[in-house]
Amino acid sequence: MSALKEISKRVLPSRALAFLVRTQRRIARARVTYLPVLTESALTSILRDDLGLGDGDTVFIHSSVDQLNLGFQTGKVLSIIEQITGARGTLLFPTYPRLKSYEFLSRGEIFDVRKSPSYTGVLTEMARRRRNAVRSLHPTKSVCASGQHARELVSSHQHSVYPYDKCSPYYKLMEYGGKVIGIGVSTDKLSFVHCIEDALKDQFPVKVYHKRIFAARCINYEGEEEIVRTYAHDMYKMDQQTARFMKRHIAGDICKDLTISRMKFFRADTKKLFTAMLELAKAGITIYPRFSFSRLSIGHLSGNEIRNRV
């Protein structure tokens, strides 16, 4: 889907593309009005009983509250999650820029950890603006966090040449028994899956990054400029089929998509999911379709492994 979007941007005139985006948004908003109203108590029940959140949890949250027919103010969603996870809990949110990584870095845009807004949904921007929130110093894959382990989780992201490597909050989630949940979205938005790619690096079957390492200008919390070196994803390679992959290859107690009252949710256990996906990737089974695989990686696989690809 990502590759198709990138092609559409290049083929369609800008006005036609803008009209198409507006039409899609209108249709999506209209669909939401016909969904059952989601009350505070109903959302609390979903988070606890269906997504498995509890006291002291470290949880990474993907969201699109526009896809929920909320019967209360959006900001209350954060409060509900905090009430469930308690004083010992830690919440994390993706806070990416408006532009895709390669475009952002190619333009020489400056990332300010204190001021650059999040374009990964209204809930993430609300979380970023909270007084107790801290944010990782990464120009394109920044994460904001609040709670007990927030500072440790975001402290070293500026050292991640591969954005989802061991220095990143995504990978560090596993050290804290972290969970990932989706509110209003499916696992197609699950960014944790890229930790497997960055763990295997050149051994991963799909070359998901552009070859160039960018030296991005960033402003840290002291107001000083800091250069962060990072790769950028090649969006023509990012035709991932995550929800399909999870349903086909991953056990429900590890990661599962849920539809509740016609609204999308998901839950994932980071340690178990990483272990399962790593073994599958080594066998040539990934979230990417076969045509995305490099010839070199296919050449090193047996016939059975090639046939088993997603």
Protein backbone atom coordinates (compact mmCIF):
# COMPACT_ATOMS: atom_id res chain seq x y z
CA MET A 1 0.00 0.00 0.00
CA SER A 2 2.84 2.42 0.78
CA ALA A 3 4.41 1.81 -2.62
CA LEU A 4 1.04 2.43 -4.32
CA LYS A 5 0.66 5.74 -2.47
CA GLU A 6 4.13 6.83 -3.56
CA ILE A 7 3.36 6.00 -7.20
CA SER A 8 0.05 7.88 -6.99
CA LYS A 9 1.87 10.98 -5.76
CA ARG A 10 4.10 10.92 -8.81
CA VAL A 11 1.48 10.05 -11.41
CA LEU A 12 -1.53 12.12 -10.33
CA PRO A 13 -1.58 15.93 -10.64
CA SER A 14 -1.37 17.63 -7.25
CA ARG A 15 -4.95 18.94 -7.47
CA ALA A 16 -6.33 15.51 -8.36
CA LEU A 17 -4.37 13.90 -5.54
CA ALA A 18 -5.61 16.52 -3.03
CA PHE A 19 -9.20 15.96 -4.19
CA LEU A 20 -8.79 12.19 -3.79
CA VAL A 21 -7.42 12.60 -0.25
CA ARG A 22 -10.26 14.94 0.75
CA THR A 23 -12.84 12.53 -0.66
CA GLN A 24 -11.33 9.60 1.25
CA ARG A 25 -11.40 11.59 4.47
CA ARG A 26 -15.04 12.62 3.96
CA ILE A 27 -16.05 9.01 3.39
CA ALA A 28 -14.12 7.90 6.50
CA ARG A 29 -15.75 10.60 8.67
CA ALA A 30 -19.19 9.67 7.39
CA ARG A 31 -18.57 5.98 8.18
CA VAL A 32 -17.58 6.78 11.77
CA THR A 33 -20.91 8.52 12.51
CA TYR A 34 -22.72 5.21 11.92
CA LEU A 35 -20.55 3.33 14.42
CA PRO A 36 -21.80 2.60 17.96
CA VAL A 37 -20.93 5.36 20.42
CA LEU A 38 -17.87 4.43 22.47
CA THR A 39 -18.33 5.49 26.10
CA GLU A 40 -15.57 5.96 28.69
CA SER A 41 -16.56 2.76 30.48
CA ALA A 42 -16.65 0.81 27.21
CA LEU A 43 -13.16 2.02 26.23
CA THR A 44 -11.86 1.20 29.72
CA SER A 45 -13.23 -2.31 29.37
CA ILE A 46 -11.63 -2.75 25.92
CA LEU A 47 -8.24 -1.55 27.16
CA ARG A 48 -8.30 -3.81 30.22
CA ASP A 49 -10.14 -6.91 29.06
CA ASP A 50 -9.42 -7.06 25.32
CA LEU A 51 -6.04 -5.32 25.01
CA GLY A 52 -4.75 -6.59 28.34
CA LEU A 53 -3.51 -3.35 29.92
CA GLY A 54 -2.87 -3.32 33.65
CA ASP A 55 -1.14 -1.51 36.48
CA GLY A 56 2.55 -0.78 35.91
CA ASP A 57 2.52 -1.62 32.19
CA THR A 58 4.95 -0.09 29.72
CA VAL A 59 2.89 0.40 26.58
CA PHE A 60 3.49 1.86 23.13
CA ILE A 61 0.29 3.30 21.67
CA HIS A 62 -0.65 3.62 18.00
CA SER A 63 -3.91 5.46 17.46
CA SER A 64 -6.38 7.10 15.13
CA VAL A 65 -9.12 8.44 17.35
CA ASP A 66 -10.84 9.85 14.24
CA GLN A 67 -11.77 6.23 13.47
CA LEU A 68 -13.61 5.89 16.80
CA ASN A 69 -17.08 7.27 17.50
CA LEU A 70 -16.10 8.68 20.88
CA GLY A 71 -18.86 9.79 23.24
CA PHE A 72 -16.45 12.01 25.15
CA GLN A 73 -13.56 14.42 24.55
CA THR A 74 -10.45 12.99 22.86
CA GLY A 75 -8.08 14.09 25.63
CA LYS A 76 -9.89 11.81 28.05
CA VAL A 77 -8.41 8.80 26.22
CA LEU A 78 -4.99 9.62 27.68
CA SER A 79 -6.44 9.95 31.17
CA ILE A 80 -8.18 6.58 30.90
CA ILE A 81 -4.96 4.83 29.86
CA GLU A 82 -3.03 6.53 32.69
CA GLN A 83 -5.66 5.45 35.22
CA ILE A 84 -5.28 1.84 34.09
CA THR A 85 -1.46 1.75 34.01
CA GLY A 86 -1.10 3.77 37.23
CA ALA A 87 1.84 5.64 38.72
CA ARG A 88 4.26 2.84 37.79
CA GLY A 89 3.14 2.79 34.16
CA THR A 90 4.93 4.23 31.12
CA LEU A 91 3.22 5.44 27.94
CA LEU A 92 4.95 5.89 24.58
CA PHE A 93 3.70 7.41 21.31
CA PRO A 94 5.19 7.83 17.83
CA THR A 95 5.74 11.53 17.05
CA TYR A 96 6.81 11.65 13.40
CA PRO A 97 7.10 14.72 11.14
CA ARG A 98 4.61 15.56 8.39
CA LEU A 99 6.94 14.48 5.58
CA LYS A 100 8.12 10.95 4.84
CA SER A 101 11.60 10.23 6.19
CA TYR A 102 13.52 10.46 2.90
CA GLU A 103 11.80 13.69 1.87
CA PHE A 104 12.28 15.23 5.32
CA LEU A 105 15.98 14.41 5.38
CA SER A 106 16.63 15.27 1.73
CA ARG A 107 15.19 18.74 2.24
CA GLY A 108 17.50 19.35 5.17
CA GLU A 109 14.61 19.99 7.56
CA ILE A 110 15.57 20.69 11.18
CA PHE A 111 14.00 18.64 13.95
CA ASP A 112 13.50 20.42 17.28
CA VAL A 113 12.83 17.92 20.06
CA ARG A 114 11.01 20.62 22.06
CA LYS A 115 8.88 22.22 19.34
CA SER A 116 8.48 20.05 16.22
CA PRO A 117 4.84 18.88 16.19
CA SER A 118 3.71 15.29 15.76
CA TYR A 119 1.78 14.33 12.65
CA THR A 120 1.03 10.78 13.79
CA GLY A 121 -2.46 11.57 15.05
CA VAL A 122 -4.09 14.02 17.43
CA LEU A 123 -3.53 11.80 20.47
CA THR A 124 0.24 11.76 19.89
CA GLU A 125 0.38 15.56 19.73
CA MET A 126 -1.61 15.81 22.95
CA ALA A 127 0.83 13.39 24.59
CA ARG A 128 3.82 15.38 23.28
CA ARG A 129 2.51 18.61 24.80
CA ARG A 130 2.10 17.19 28.28
CA ARG A 131 4.38 18.76 30.90
CA ASN A 132 5.83 15.45 32.04
CA ALA A 133 6.54 14.15 28.51
CA VAL A 134 10.06 13.56 27.19
CA ARG A 135 10.95 12.88 23.59
CA SER A 136 13.68 11.00 21.76
CA LEU A 137 16.14 12.98 19.67
CA HIS A 138 15.58 11.37 16.28
CA PRO A 139 14.59 13.47 13.25
CA THR A 140 12.13 11.09 11.59
CA LYS A 141 11.12 8.33 14.05
CA SER A 142 10.92 10.28 17.30
CA VAL A 143 9.01 8.84 20.26
CA CYS A 144 7.53 10.75 23.19
CA ALA A 145 7.11 9.07 26.54
CA SER A 146 5.79 9.76 30.03
CA GLY A 147 5.83 7.76 33.22
CA GLN A 148 8.27 5.70 35.27
CA HIS A 149 10.68 4.51 32.55
CA ALA A 150 10.22 7.36 30.07
CA ARG A 151 13.70 8.87 30.24
CA GLU A 152 15.55 5.56 29.98
CA LEU A 153 13.51 4.52 26.97
CA VAL A 154 14.14 7.67 24.90
CA SER A 155 17.65 8.53 26.11
CA SER A 156 19.81 7.04 23.33
CA HIS A 157 17.71 7.21 20.17
CA GLN A 158 20.08 9.81 18.67
CA HIS A 159 22.64 7.00 18.29
CA SER A 160 20.32 4.93 16.08
CA VAL A 161 21.65 5.00 12.52
CA TYR A 162 19.04 2.31 11.97
CA PRO A 163 15.95 4.02 13.50
CA TYR A 164 14.60 0.86 15.16
CA ASP A 165 17.88 -0.61 16.44
CA LYS A 166 19.01 -1.42 20.00
CA CYS A 167 19.41 2.26 20.92
CA SER A 168 15.81 3.05 20.00
CA PRO A 169 12.74 3.16 22.28
CA TYR A 170 11.08 0.57 20.00
CA TYR A 171 13.71 -2.06 20.74
CA LYS A 172 14.10 -1.06 24.40
CA LEU A 173 10.42 -1.84 24.95
CA MET A 174 11.41 -5.48 25.26
CA GLU A 175 13.69 -4.75 28.23
CA TYR A 176 10.64 -3.52 30.16
CA GLY A 177 8.24 -6.26 29.10
CA GLY A 178 6.56 -3.72 26.88
CA LYS A 179 3.25 -4.04 25.10
CA VAL A 180 2.02 -2.36 21.95
CA ILE A 181 -1.64 -1.54 21.40
CA GLY A 182 -3.65 -0.02 18.58
CA ILE A 183 -6.68 2.20 19.19
CA GLY A 184 -8.68 2.82 16.02
CA VAL A 185 -5.98 1.14 13.90
CA SER A 186 -4.88 -2.35 12.87
CA THR A 187 -1.42 -3.94 12.99
CA ASP A 188 -0.74 -2.39 9.59
CA LYS A 189 0.35 0.61 11.73
CA LEU A 190 2.58 -1.48 14.03
CA SER A 191 6.04 0.13 13.78
CA PHE A 192 7.69 -2.35 16.17
CA VAL A 193 7.94 -4.85 13.30
CA HIS A 194 10.85 -2.82 11.89
CA CYS A 195 12.99 -3.83 14.89
CA ILE A 196 13.46 -7.21 13.20
CA GLU A 197 14.79 -5.56 10.04
CA ASP A 198 17.22 -3.41 12.03
CA ALA A 199 18.37 -6.35 14.15
CA LEU A 200 19.23 -8.42 11.06
CA LYS A 201 20.44 -5.44 8.97
CA ASP A 202 22.08 -6.80 5.76
CA GLN A 203 20.84 -10.30 6.57
CA PHE A 204 17.21 -9.19 6.26
CA PRO A 205 15.73 -10.37 2.92
CA VAL A 206 14.38 -6.93 1.91
CA LYS A 207 16.63 -3.89 1.53
CA VAL A 208 14.22 -1.45 3.16
CA TYR A 209 16.53 1.58 3.38
CA HIS A 210 18.08 3.97 0.90
CA LYS A 211 21.86 3.53 0.80
CA ARG A 212 22.62 7.08 1.89
CA ILE A 213 23.21 7.86 5.57
CA PHE A 214 21.86 11.32 6.33
CA ALA A 215 23.43 13.77 8.78
CA ALA A 216 20.30 15.45 10.14
CA ARG A 217 20.35 18.72 12.03
CA CYS A 218 18.46 18.46 15.33
CA ILE A 219 17.90 20.80 18.27
CA ASN A 220 18.18 19.09 21.65
CA TYR A 221 16.58 19.99 24.99
CA GLU A 222 19.43 22.40 25.75
CA GLY A 223 18.61 24.34 22.59
CA GLU A 224 21.87 23.23 20.99
CA GLU A 225 22.28 21.83 17.50
CA GLU A 226 23.16 18.16 17.33
CA ILE A 227 23.82 16.06 14.23
CA VAL A 228 21.99 12.72 14.13
CA ARG A 229 23.04 10.20 11.50
CA THR A 230 20.28 7.97 10.17
CA TYR A 231 19.01 5.94 7.26
CA ALA A 232 15.65 6.65 5.60
CA HIS A 233 13.17 4.02 4.45
CA ASP A 234 12.73 3.45 0.74
CA MET A 235 8.94 3.76 0.45
CA TYR A 236 8.91 1.82 -2.81
CA LYS A 237 10.10 -1.20 -0.81
CA MET A 238 7.68 -0.66 2.09
CA ASP A 239 4.73 -2.55 0.61
CA GLN A 240 4.18 -4.36 3.88
CA GLN A 241 1.25 -6.66 4.63
CA THR A 242 1.47 -6.71 8.41
CA ALA A 243 -2.13 -7.55 9.35
CA ARG A 244 -2.16 -10.44 6.88
CA PHE A 245 1.20 -11.65 8.18
CA MET A 246 0.03 -11.60 11.81
CA LYS A 247 -3.13 -13.54 11.05
CA ARG A 248 -1.27 -16.14 9.05
CA HIS A 249 1.95 -16.63 11.03
CA ILE A 250 1.66 -15.25 14.59
CA ALA A 251 -0.30 -16.81 17.46
CA GLY A 252 -3.14 -14.75 18.90
CA ASP A 253 -1.59 -14.63 22.37
CA ILE A 254 1.46 -12.89 20.85
CA CYS A 255 -0.22 -10.40 18.54
CA LYS A 256 -3.81 -10.05 17.44
CA ASP A 257 -6.03 -7.70 15.47
CA LEU A 258 -9.46 -7.10 16.99
CA THR A 259 -12.65 -5.58 15.65
CA ILE A 260 -14.93 -4.40 18.45
CA SER A 261 -18.21 -2.64 17.62
CA ARG A 262 -16.87 -2.33 14.05
CA MET A 263 -13.83 -0.38 15.31
CA LYS A 264 -10.21 -1.53 14.95
CA PHE A 265 -7.86 -2.39 17.81
CA PHE A 266 -4.81 -4.61 18.30
CA ARG A 267 -2.48 -5.86 21.01
CA ALA A 268 1.07 -7.24 20.89
CA ASP A 269 3.64 -8.66 23.30
CA THR A 270 7.00 -7.22 22.16
CA LYS A 271 9.33 -9.95 23.46
CA LYS A 272 7.31 -12.83 22.08
CA LEU A 273 6.60 -11.06 18.80
CA PHE A 274 10.26 -10.19 18.22
CA THR A 275 11.35 -13.79 18.84
CA ALA A 276 8.69 -15.20 16.51
CA MET A 277 9.29 -12.69 13.70
CA LEU A 278 13.07 -13.07 13.91
CA GLU A 279 12.87 -16.84 13.38
CA LEU A 280 10.41 -16.39 10.53
CA ALA A 281 12.62 -13.77 8.84
CA LYS A 282 15.60 -16.12 9.00
CA ALA A 283 13.44 -18.66 7.18
CA GLY A 284 12.51 -16.08 4.54
CA ILE A 285 9.03 -15.24 5.87
CA THR A 286 8.41 -11.52 6.41
CA ILE A 287 5.70 -8.86 6.28
CA TYR A 288 6.78 -8.03 2.71
CA PRO A 289 5.57 -9.70 -0.51
CA ARG A 290 7.96 -11.88 -2.47
CA PHE A 291 8.65 -9.33 -5.22
CA SER A 292 10.25 -7.03 -2.60
CA PHE A 293 12.99 -9.52 -1.77
CA SER A 294 16.50 -8.88 -3.03
CA ARG A 295 17.91 -11.36 -5.55
CA LEU A 296 20.88 -11.94 -3.29
CA SER A 297 18.72 -13.04 -0.36
CA ILE A 298 16.55 -15.27 -2.56
CA GLY A 299 19.65 -16.88 -4.00
CA HIS A 300 20.70 -18.01 -0.53
CA LEU A 301 17.36 -19.64 0.25
CA SER A 302 16.21 -23.16 -0.44
CA GLY A 303 13.24 -23.90 -2.70
CA ASN A 304 11.04 -24.65 0.31
CA GLU A 305 11.93 -21.34 1.97
CA ILE A 306 11.10 -19.37 -1.17
CA ARG A 307 7.72 -21.11 -1.48
CA ASN A 308 6.94 -20.29 2.15
CA ARG A 309 7.33 -16.56 1.67
CA VAL A 310 4.37 -14.28 2.37
